[in-house]
Amino acid sequence: MSANLIFSWSKPDHPNYICWKRTFDQTNENALVCLEVPWVQWPNHPLDDAGSSWRMIREKARNAVEDWLVVLERNLSGEAYSHHMRITCMVQLNQQLRQTVDKLGDGEEHEMLFYGFAADEVAKLPEMESLNLGSKVIKIRGKGRDAEAIIRKCDFPE
């Protein structure tokens, strides 16, 4: 058992931050961290893109990740260790995007593509290059006009 650390960190005295709470559990075996990670925003209503080409959806996902980075940087401006929090947010967003793709079902393929492409874009950010995040969510098979986007879902352990 660790030393009895009963303190918790307060939110920064700044309007922009990611971490809402930090504390230890009662036995000091775990640090509890509550984050508010910005979410990648679809640029319009998702149903408007049902039936759209994967190329158009990929471009929207790329733009959405660029917009997300702007929001992230703004929210990080109040964090004491902004570089650490930036990487944490990128990893958490990538995981949440992958989880979202895994949970979507029939009739939601356009959403799977958007969030899958967004996850792959986040994984390509310079801060993420050295991390092994597994295979891309979206695999492009073929070339040119015949190319198709294949969605890879995670196989959950039973």
N, C-alpha and C. Protein backbone atom coordinates (compact mmCIF):
# COMPACT_ATOMS: atom_id res chain seq x y z
N MET A 1 0.84 -1.18 0.00
CA MET A 1 0.00 0.00 0.00
C MET A 1 0.88 1.24 0.00
N SER A 2 0.50 2.21 -0.79
CA SER A 2 1.24 3.46 -0.88
C SER A 2 0.99 4.33 0.34
N ALA A 3 1.81 5.35 0.46
CA ALA A 3 1.57 6.33 1.52
C ALA A 3 0.17 6.90 1.36
N ASN A 4 -0.41 7.33 2.44
CA ASN A 4 -1.78 7.84 2.41
C ASN A 4 -1.80 9.22 1.76
N LEU A 5 -2.17 9.28 0.51
CA LEU A 5 -2.26 10.53 -0.23
C LEU A 5 -3.73 10.91 -0.31
N ILE A 6 -4.14 11.84 0.49
CA ILE A 6 -5.56 12.17 0.57
C ILE A 6 -5.94 13.41 -0.22
N PHE A 7 -4.97 14.08 -0.79
CA PHE A 7 -5.28 15.32 -1.51
C PHE A 7 -5.82 15.03 -2.90
N SER A 8 -6.46 16.01 -3.46
CA SER A 8 -6.88 15.94 -4.85
C SER A 8 -6.48 17.25 -5.52
N TRP A 9 -6.35 17.20 -6.82
CA TRP A 9 -5.97 18.38 -7.58
C TRP A 9 -7.23 19.14 -7.95
N SER A 10 -7.17 20.41 -7.86
CA SER A 10 -8.34 21.20 -8.26
C SER A 10 -8.22 21.58 -9.73
N LYS A 11 -9.34 21.95 -10.31
CA LYS A 11 -9.34 22.41 -11.70
C LYS A 11 -8.51 23.68 -11.80
N PRO A 12 -7.88 23.92 -12.94
CA PRO A 12 -7.10 25.15 -13.08
C PRO A 12 -8.00 26.38 -13.02
N ASP A 13 -7.42 27.47 -12.61
CA ASP A 13 -8.15 28.74 -12.58
C ASP A 13 -8.07 29.36 -13.97
N HIS A 14 -8.65 28.68 -14.91
CA HIS A 14 -8.59 29.06 -16.33
C HIS A 14 -9.84 28.49 -16.98
N PRO A 15 -10.44 29.18 -17.93
CA PRO A 15 -11.68 28.66 -18.52
C PRO A 15 -11.50 27.44 -19.43
N ASN A 16 -10.29 27.19 -19.88
CA ASN A 16 -10.06 26.09 -20.82
C ASN A 16 -9.17 25.03 -20.18
N TYR A 17 -9.71 23.83 -20.07
CA TYR A 17 -8.94 22.71 -19.53
C TYR A 17 -9.61 21.41 -19.94
N ILE A 18 -8.90 20.32 -19.79
CA ILE A 18 -9.37 18.98 -20.16
C ILE A 18 -9.67 18.15 -18.91
N CYS A 19 -8.80 18.24 -17.92
CA CYS A 19 -8.92 17.40 -16.73
C CYS A 19 -9.87 18.05 -15.72
N TRP A 20 -10.95 17.35 -15.42
CA TRP A 20 -11.95 17.86 -14.49
C TRP A 20 -11.65 17.49 -13.05
N LYS A 21 -10.97 16.38 -12.84
CA LYS A 21 -10.71 15.96 -11.47
C LYS A 21 -9.56 14.96 -11.45
N ARG A 22 -8.75 15.07 -10.41
CA ARG A 22 -7.69 14.11 -10.14
C ARG A 22 -7.71 13.83 -8.64
N THR A 23 -7.66 12.59 -8.30
CA THR A 23 -7.62 12.21 -6.89
C THR A 23 -7.11 10.76 -6.80
N PHE A 24 -7.00 10.26 -5.61
CA PHE A 24 -6.64 8.87 -5.39
C PHE A 24 -7.84 8.13 -4.81
N ASP A 25 -7.90 6.83 -5.05
CA ASP A 25 -8.97 6.06 -4.40
C ASP A 25 -8.63 5.93 -2.91
N GLN A 26 -9.53 5.34 -2.15
CA GLN A 26 -9.37 5.30 -0.69
C GLN A 26 -8.14 4.53 -0.24
N THR A 27 -7.70 3.57 -1.03
CA THR A 27 -6.53 2.76 -0.64
C THR A 27 -5.24 3.25 -1.28
N ASN A 28 -5.32 4.31 -2.06
CA ASN A 28 -4.16 4.86 -2.78
C ASN A 28 -3.55 3.85 -3.75
N GLU A 29 -4.35 2.93 -4.23
CA GLU A 29 -3.86 1.97 -5.22
C GLU A 29 -4.07 2.47 -6.64
N ASN A 30 -4.93 3.45 -6.81
CA ASN A 30 -5.24 3.96 -8.15
C ASN A 30 -5.37 5.48 -8.12
N ALA A 31 -4.87 6.10 -9.15
CA ALA A 31 -5.15 7.51 -9.37
C ALA A 31 -6.41 7.58 -10.22
N LEU A 32 -7.33 8.42 -9.84
CA LEU A 32 -8.58 8.58 -10.58
C LEU A 32 -8.51 9.90 -11.33
N VAL A 33 -8.67 9.83 -12.64
CA VAL A 33 -8.55 11.01 -13.48
C VAL A 33 -9.79 11.11 -14.34
N CYS A 34 -10.47 12.23 -14.28
CA CYS A 34 -11.67 12.46 -15.08
C CYS A 34 -11.35 13.50 -16.15
N LEU A 35 -11.44 13.09 -17.41
CA LEU A 35 -11.12 13.97 -18.53
C LEU A 35 -12.37 14.28 -19.34
N GLU A 36 -12.38 15.45 -19.92
CA GLU A 36 -13.42 15.80 -20.88
C GLU A 36 -12.70 16.00 -22.22
N VAL A 37 -12.65 14.93 -22.99
CA VAL A 37 -11.95 14.94 -24.28
C VAL A 37 -12.92 15.43 -25.35
N PRO A 38 -12.55 16.48 -26.09
CA PRO A 38 -13.44 16.93 -27.17
C PRO A 38 -13.72 15.80 -28.15
N TRP A 39 -14.90 15.81 -28.75
CA TRP A 39 -15.32 14.79 -29.70
C TRP A 39 -15.22 15.33 -31.12
N VAL A 40 -14.87 14.48 -32.06
CA VAL A 40 -14.83 14.85 -33.47
C VAL A 40 -16.26 15.12 -33.93
N GLN A 41 -16.49 16.28 -34.48
CA GLN A 41 -17.84 16.68 -34.88
C GLN A 41 -18.09 16.42 -36.36
N TRP A 42 -19.19 15.76 -36.64
CA TRP A 42 -19.63 15.58 -38.02
C TRP A 42 -20.03 16.96 -38.53
N PRO A 43 -19.61 17.35 -39.74
CA PRO A 43 -19.85 18.72 -40.20
C PRO A 43 -21.31 19.05 -40.52
N ASN A 44 -22.13 18.06 -40.68
CA ASN A 44 -23.55 18.25 -40.95
C ASN A 44 -24.28 17.10 -40.25
N HIS A 45 -25.52 16.86 -40.58
CA HIS A 45 -26.24 15.74 -39.96
C HIS A 45 -25.77 14.44 -40.62
N PRO A 46 -25.42 13.42 -39.83
CA PRO A 46 -24.92 12.17 -40.40
C PRO A 46 -25.84 11.53 -41.44
N LEU A 47 -27.14 11.65 -41.26
CA LEU A 47 -28.06 11.04 -42.22
C LEU A 47 -27.97 11.70 -43.60
N ASP A 48 -27.51 12.95 -43.64
CA ASP A 48 -27.33 13.62 -44.93
C ASP A 48 -26.28 12.92 -45.78
N ASP A 49 -25.39 12.17 -45.14
CA ASP A 49 -24.30 11.51 -45.86
C ASP A 49 -24.54 10.02 -46.08
N ALA A 50 -25.69 9.52 -45.69
CA ALA A 50 -26.00 8.11 -45.94
C ALA A 50 -25.99 7.89 -47.45
N GLY A 51 -25.27 6.90 -47.90
CA GLY A 51 -25.17 6.62 -49.32
C GLY A 51 -24.10 7.42 -50.05
N SER A 52 -23.38 8.29 -49.34
CA SER A 52 -22.31 9.07 -49.97
C SER A 52 -21.10 8.19 -50.23
N SER A 53 -20.26 8.63 -51.14
CA SER A 53 -19.05 7.86 -51.46
C SER A 53 -18.10 7.87 -50.28
N TRP A 54 -17.32 6.81 -50.15
CA TRP A 54 -16.37 6.73 -49.06
C TRP A 54 -15.32 7.83 -49.18
N ARG A 55 -15.02 8.25 -50.39
CA ARG A 55 -14.03 9.32 -50.58
C ARG A 55 -14.52 10.64 -49.98
N MET A 56 -15.80 10.95 -50.18
CA MET A 56 -16.36 12.17 -49.62
C MET A 56 -16.38 12.09 -48.09
N ILE A 57 -16.75 10.94 -47.57
CA ILE A 57 -16.79 10.77 -46.12
C ILE A 57 -15.38 10.85 -45.54
N ARG A 58 -14.41 10.29 -46.23
CA ARG A 58 -13.02 10.37 -45.76
C ARG A 58 -12.56 11.82 -45.68
N GLU A 59 -12.90 12.62 -46.67
CA GLU A 59 -12.51 14.03 -46.67
C GLU A 59 -13.17 14.77 -45.51
N LYS A 60 -14.44 14.47 -45.25
CA LYS A 60 -15.13 15.09 -44.11
C LYS A 60 -14.47 14.69 -42.80
N ALA A 61 -14.05 13.44 -42.69
CA ALA A 61 -13.38 12.98 -41.47
C ALA A 61 -12.04 13.69 -41.29
N ARG A 62 -11.29 13.85 -42.37
CA ARG A 62 -10.01 14.57 -42.29
C ARG A 62 -10.22 16.00 -41.81
N ASN A 63 -11.20 16.67 -42.39
CA ASN A 63 -11.49 18.05 -41.99
C ASN A 63 -11.96 18.11 -40.54
N ALA A 64 -12.76 17.14 -40.13
CA ALA A 64 -13.26 17.11 -38.75
C ALA A 64 -12.11 16.94 -37.75
N VAL A 65 -11.11 16.14 -38.09
CA VAL A 65 -9.96 15.96 -37.19
C VAL A 65 -9.15 17.26 -37.13
N GLU A 66 -9.00 17.95 -38.25
CA GLU A 66 -8.31 19.24 -38.23
C GLU A 66 -9.05 20.23 -37.34
N ASP A 67 -10.37 20.26 -37.45
CA ASP A 67 -11.18 21.14 -36.58
C ASP A 67 -11.06 20.72 -35.12
N TRP A 68 -11.01 19.42 -34.88
CA TRP A 68 -10.87 18.89 -33.52
C TRP A 68 -9.56 19.36 -32.90
N LEU A 69 -8.50 19.37 -33.69
CA LEU A 69 -7.20 19.81 -33.17
C LEU A 69 -7.25 21.26 -32.70
N VAL A 70 -7.99 22.10 -33.39
CA VAL A 70 -8.14 23.50 -32.98
C VAL A 70 -8.84 23.57 -31.62
N VAL A 71 -9.92 22.82 -31.47
CA VAL A 71 -10.65 22.79 -30.20
C VAL A 71 -9.76 22.23 -29.09
N LEU A 72 -9.04 21.16 -29.40
CA LEU A 72 -8.15 20.55 -28.41
C LEU A 72 -7.11 21.56 -27.92
N GLU A 73 -6.46 22.25 -28.85
CA GLU A 73 -5.44 23.23 -28.47
C GLU A 73 -6.02 24.32 -27.59
N ARG A 74 -7.22 24.78 -27.92
CA ARG A 74 -7.87 25.81 -27.10
C ARG A 74 -8.12 25.27 -25.69
N ASN A 75 -8.63 24.05 -25.60
CA ASN A 75 -8.94 23.47 -24.29
C ASN A 75 -7.69 23.13 -23.49
N LEU A 76 -6.59 22.88 -24.17
CA LEU A 76 -5.34 22.57 -23.48
C LEU A 76 -4.66 23.80 -22.90
N SER A 77 -5.09 24.98 -23.31
CA SER A 77 -4.39 26.20 -22.92
C SER A 77 -4.39 26.43 -21.41
N GLY A 78 -5.28 25.80 -20.67
CA GLY A 78 -5.30 25.95 -19.22
C GLY A 78 -4.63 24.81 -18.46
N GLU A 79 -4.09 23.84 -19.17
CA GLU A 79 -3.46 22.69 -18.53
C GLU A 79 -1.99 22.96 -18.22
N ALA A 80 -1.54 22.53 -17.04
CA ALA A 80 -0.15 22.72 -16.64
C ALA A 80 0.79 21.86 -17.48
N TYR A 81 0.40 20.64 -17.78
CA TYR A 81 1.22 19.72 -18.56
C TYR A 81 0.51 19.45 -19.88
N SER A 82 0.44 20.47 -20.71
CA SER A 82 -0.39 20.39 -21.92
C SER A 82 0.12 19.34 -22.92
N HIS A 83 1.43 19.14 -23.01
CA HIS A 83 1.95 18.14 -23.95
C HIS A 83 1.49 16.73 -23.55
N HIS A 84 1.57 16.42 -22.28
CA HIS A 84 1.12 15.11 -21.79
C HIS A 84 -0.37 14.94 -22.04
N MET A 85 -1.13 15.98 -21.74
CA MET A 85 -2.58 15.91 -21.90
C MET A 85 -2.96 15.81 -23.38
N ARG A 86 -2.21 16.46 -24.25
CA ARG A 86 -2.47 16.38 -25.70
C ARG A 86 -2.37 14.92 -26.16
N ILE A 87 -1.30 14.25 -25.78
CA ILE A 87 -1.11 12.85 -26.17
C ILE A 87 -2.20 11.97 -25.55
N THR A 88 -2.52 12.21 -24.29
CA THR A 88 -3.58 11.45 -23.62
C THR A 88 -4.89 11.59 -24.37
N CYS A 89 -5.24 12.82 -24.74
CA CYS A 89 -6.50 13.06 -25.46
C CYS A 89 -6.50 12.39 -26.82
N MET A 90 -5.38 12.41 -27.50
CA MET A 90 -5.30 11.77 -28.82
C MET A 90 -5.50 10.26 -28.70
N VAL A 91 -4.86 9.66 -27.71
CA VAL A 91 -5.01 8.22 -27.51
C VAL A 91 -6.45 7.89 -27.13
N GLN A 92 -7.02 8.65 -26.20
CA GLN A 92 -8.39 8.39 -25.77
C GLN A 92 -9.39 8.59 -26.91
N LEU A 93 -9.19 9.64 -27.71
CA LEU A 93 -10.10 9.86 -28.84
C LEU A 93 -9.99 8.72 -29.84
N ASN A 94 -8.77 8.30 -30.15
CA ASN A 94 -8.59 7.19 -31.08
C ASN A 94 -9.32 5.95 -30.58
N GLN A 95 -9.17 5.65 -29.31
CA GLN A 95 -9.84 4.48 -28.74
C GLN A 95 -11.36 4.63 -28.80
N GLN A 96 -11.86 5.81 -28.46
CA GLN A 96 -13.31 6.02 -28.45
C GLN A 96 -13.88 5.94 -29.87
N LEU A 97 -13.15 6.47 -30.84
CA LEU A 97 -13.60 6.36 -32.24
C LEU A 97 -13.66 4.90 -32.67
N ARG A 98 -12.64 4.13 -32.31
CA ARG A 98 -12.63 2.70 -32.64
C ARG A 98 -13.80 1.98 -31.96
N GLN A 99 -14.05 2.30 -30.70
CA GLN A 99 -15.17 1.69 -29.99
C GLN A 99 -16.50 2.05 -30.65
N THR A 100 -16.60 3.28 -31.12
CA THR A 100 -17.82 3.73 -31.79
C THR A 100 -18.05 2.93 -33.06
N VAL A 101 -17.01 2.75 -33.86
CA VAL A 101 -17.13 1.95 -35.08
C VAL A 101 -17.59 0.53 -34.73
N ASP A 102 -17.01 -0.03 -33.69
CA ASP A 102 -17.35 -1.40 -33.29
C ASP A 102 -18.80 -1.55 -32.87
N LYS A 103 -19.38 -0.51 -32.32
CA LYS A 103 -20.75 -0.59 -31.79
C LYS A 103 -21.82 -0.23 -32.81
N LEU A 104 -21.44 0.42 -33.91
CA LEU A 104 -22.43 0.76 -34.93
C LEU A 104 -22.84 -0.50 -35.69
N GLY A 105 -24.02 -0.48 -36.29
CA GLY A 105 -24.52 -1.68 -36.94
C GLY A 105 -25.00 -1.45 -38.36
N ASP A 106 -25.82 -2.37 -38.84
CA ASP A 106 -26.35 -2.30 -40.19
C ASP A 106 -27.09 -0.98 -40.41
N GLY A 107 -26.89 -0.41 -41.58
CA GLY A 107 -27.52 0.85 -41.91
C GLY A 107 -26.73 2.06 -41.44
N GLU A 108 -25.65 1.82 -40.71
CA GLU A 108 -24.83 2.92 -40.20
C GLU A 108 -23.42 2.89 -40.79
N GLU A 109 -23.31 2.30 -41.98
CA GLU A 109 -21.99 2.15 -42.60
C GLU A 109 -21.32 3.50 -42.85
N HIS A 110 -22.11 4.52 -43.22
CA HIS A 110 -21.52 5.84 -43.45
C HIS A 110 -20.91 6.40 -42.17
N GLU A 111 -21.53 6.12 -41.03
CA GLU A 111 -20.97 6.56 -39.75
C GLU A 111 -19.72 5.75 -39.40
N MET A 112 -19.75 4.45 -39.68
CA MET A 112 -18.57 3.62 -39.45
C MET A 112 -17.39 4.16 -40.26
N LEU A 113 -17.66 4.53 -41.51
CA LEU A 113 -16.60 5.08 -42.35
C LEU A 113 -16.07 6.39 -41.77
N PHE A 114 -16.96 7.29 -41.41
CA PHE A 114 -16.54 8.60 -40.88
C PHE A 114 -15.68 8.42 -39.64
N TYR A 115 -16.19 7.69 -38.66
CA TYR A 115 -15.45 7.54 -37.40
C TYR A 115 -14.20 6.67 -37.58
N GLY A 116 -14.25 5.71 -38.49
CA GLY A 116 -13.07 4.91 -38.78
C GLY A 116 -11.97 5.73 -39.45
N PHE A 117 -12.35 6.53 -40.45
CA PHE A 117 -11.37 7.41 -41.09
C PHE A 117 -10.82 8.42 -40.08
N ALA A 118 -11.69 8.95 -39.21
CA ALA A 118 -11.23 9.89 -38.19
C ALA A 118 -10.23 9.23 -37.25
N ALA A 119 -10.50 7.99 -36.83
CA ALA A 119 -9.56 7.27 -35.96
C ALA A 119 -8.21 7.10 -36.65
N ASP A 120 -8.25 6.77 -37.93
CA ASP A 120 -7.00 6.60 -38.67
C ASP A 120 -6.25 7.92 -38.82
N GLU A 121 -6.97 9.02 -38.98
CA GLU A 121 -6.33 10.34 -39.07
C GLU A 121 -5.68 10.72 -37.75
N VAL A 122 -6.35 10.46 -36.64
CA VAL A 122 -5.78 10.74 -35.33
C VAL A 122 -4.52 9.90 -35.13
N ALA A 123 -4.55 8.65 -35.55
CA ALA A 123 -3.39 7.76 -35.39
C ALA A 123 -2.19 8.24 -36.20
N LYS A 124 -2.43 9.02 -37.26
CA LYS A 124 -1.33 9.52 -38.10
C LYS A 124 -0.72 10.83 -37.59
N LEU A 125 -1.28 11.41 -36.54
CA LEU A 125 -0.73 12.67 -36.02
C LEU A 125 0.69 12.45 -35.53
N PRO A 126 1.56 13.45 -35.66
CA PRO A 126 2.98 13.27 -35.28
C PRO A 126 3.19 12.73 -33.87
N GLU A 127 2.38 13.17 -32.92
CA GLU A 127 2.54 12.71 -31.54
C GLU A 127 2.22 11.23 -31.39
N MET A 128 1.51 10.67 -32.34
CA MET A 128 1.05 9.28 -32.24
C MET A 128 1.92 8.30 -33.04
N GLU A 129 2.82 8.82 -33.85
CA GLU A 129 3.58 7.97 -34.78
C GLU A 129 4.31 6.82 -34.10
N SER A 130 4.86 7.06 -32.93
CA SER A 130 5.68 6.01 -32.29
C SER A 130 4.84 5.01 -31.48
N LEU A 131 3.54 5.22 -31.40
CA LEU A 131 2.68 4.31 -30.65
C LEU A 131 2.17 3.20 -31.57
N ASN A 132 2.07 2.02 -31.04
CA ASN A 132 1.52 0.90 -31.80
C ASN A 132 0.04 0.80 -31.48
N LEU A 133 -0.78 1.39 -32.34
CA LEU A 133 -2.23 1.42 -32.11
C LEU A 133 -2.96 0.34 -32.89
N GLY A 134 -2.23 -0.57 -33.47
CA GLY A 134 -2.87 -1.64 -34.23
C GLY A 134 -3.14 -1.25 -35.67
N SER A 135 -3.87 -2.08 -36.35
CA SER A 135 -4.18 -1.86 -37.77
C SER A 135 -5.07 -0.65 -37.95
N LYS A 136 -5.05 -0.12 -39.16
CA LYS A 136 -5.98 0.94 -39.50
C LYS A 136 -7.40 0.40 -39.39
N VAL A 137 -8.33 1.30 -39.10
CA VAL A 137 -9.73 0.90 -39.01
C VAL A 137 -10.29 0.69 -40.41
N ILE A 138 -9.90 1.56 -41.34
CA ILE A 138 -10.39 1.48 -42.72
C ILE A 138 -9.24 1.06 -43.63
N LYS A 139 -9.46 -0.01 -44.36
CA LYS A 139 -8.47 -0.48 -45.33
C LYS A 139 -9.03 -0.19 -46.72
N ILE A 140 -8.20 0.40 -47.57
CA ILE A 140 -8.60 0.66 -48.95
C ILE A 140 -8.10 -0.50 -49.80
N ARG A 141 -9.03 -1.17 -50.47
CA ARG A 141 -8.68 -2.30 -51.32
C ARG A 141 -8.91 -1.89 -52.77
N GLY A 142 -7.90 -2.13 -53.59
CA GLY A 142 -7.99 -1.77 -55.00
C GLY A 142 -7.42 -0.39 -55.26
N LYS A 143 -7.53 0.04 -56.52
CA LYS A 143 -6.98 1.33 -56.92
C LYS A 143 -7.95 2.05 -57.84
N GLY A 144 -7.80 3.35 -57.88
CA GLY A 144 -8.60 4.15 -58.80
C GLY A 144 -10.09 4.07 -58.49
N ARG A 145 -10.88 4.08 -59.56
CA ARG A 145 -12.34 4.07 -59.40
C ARG A 145 -12.86 2.78 -58.78
N ASP A 146 -12.09 1.70 -58.92
CA ASP A 146 -12.52 0.41 -58.39
C ASP A 146 -12.19 0.23 -56.91
N ALA A 147 -11.47 1.18 -56.33
CA ALA A 147 -11.08 1.04 -54.92
C ALA A 147 -12.32 1.06 -54.02
N GLU A 148 -12.23 0.28 -52.96
CA GLU A 148 -13.33 0.26 -52.00
C GLU A 148 -12.78 0.33 -50.58
N ALA A 149 -13.56 0.90 -49.69
CA ALA A 149 -13.17 1.03 -48.29
C ALA A 149 -13.74 -0.15 -47.51
N ILE A 150 -12.87 -0.84 -46.79
CA ILE A 150 -13.26 -1.99 -45.98
C ILE A 150 -13.14 -1.60 -44.51
N ILE A 151 -14.21 -1.78 -43.76
CA ILE A 151 -14.24 -1.44 -42.34
C ILE A 151 -13.79 -2.64 -41.53
N ARG A 152 -12.79 -2.42 -40.69
CA ARG A 152 -12.30 -3.49 -39.80
C ARG A 152 -12.84 -3.24 -38.40
N LYS A 153 -13.61 -4.16 -37.91
CA LYS A 153 -14.11 -4.06 -36.55
C LYS A 153 -13.25 -4.91 -35.63
N CYS A 154 -13.23 -4.54 -34.38
CA CYS A 154 -12.48 -5.29 -33.37
C CYS A 154 -13.24 -6.57 -33.02
N ASP A 155 -12.52 -7.63 -32.85
CA ASP A 155 -13.12 -8.86 -32.34
C ASP A 155 -13.00 -8.83 -30.82
N PHE A 156 -14.13 -8.71 -30.15
CA PHE A 156 -14.12 -8.65 -28.71
C PHE A 156 -13.92 -10.04 -28.12
N PRO A 157 -13.12 -10.14 -27.06
CA PRO A 157 -12.96 -11.44 -26.41
C PRO A 157 -14.28 -11.85 -25.76
N GLU A 158 -14.54 -13.14 -25.77
CA GLU A 158 -15.79 -13.64 -25.17
C GLU A 158 -15.58 -14.07 -23.76
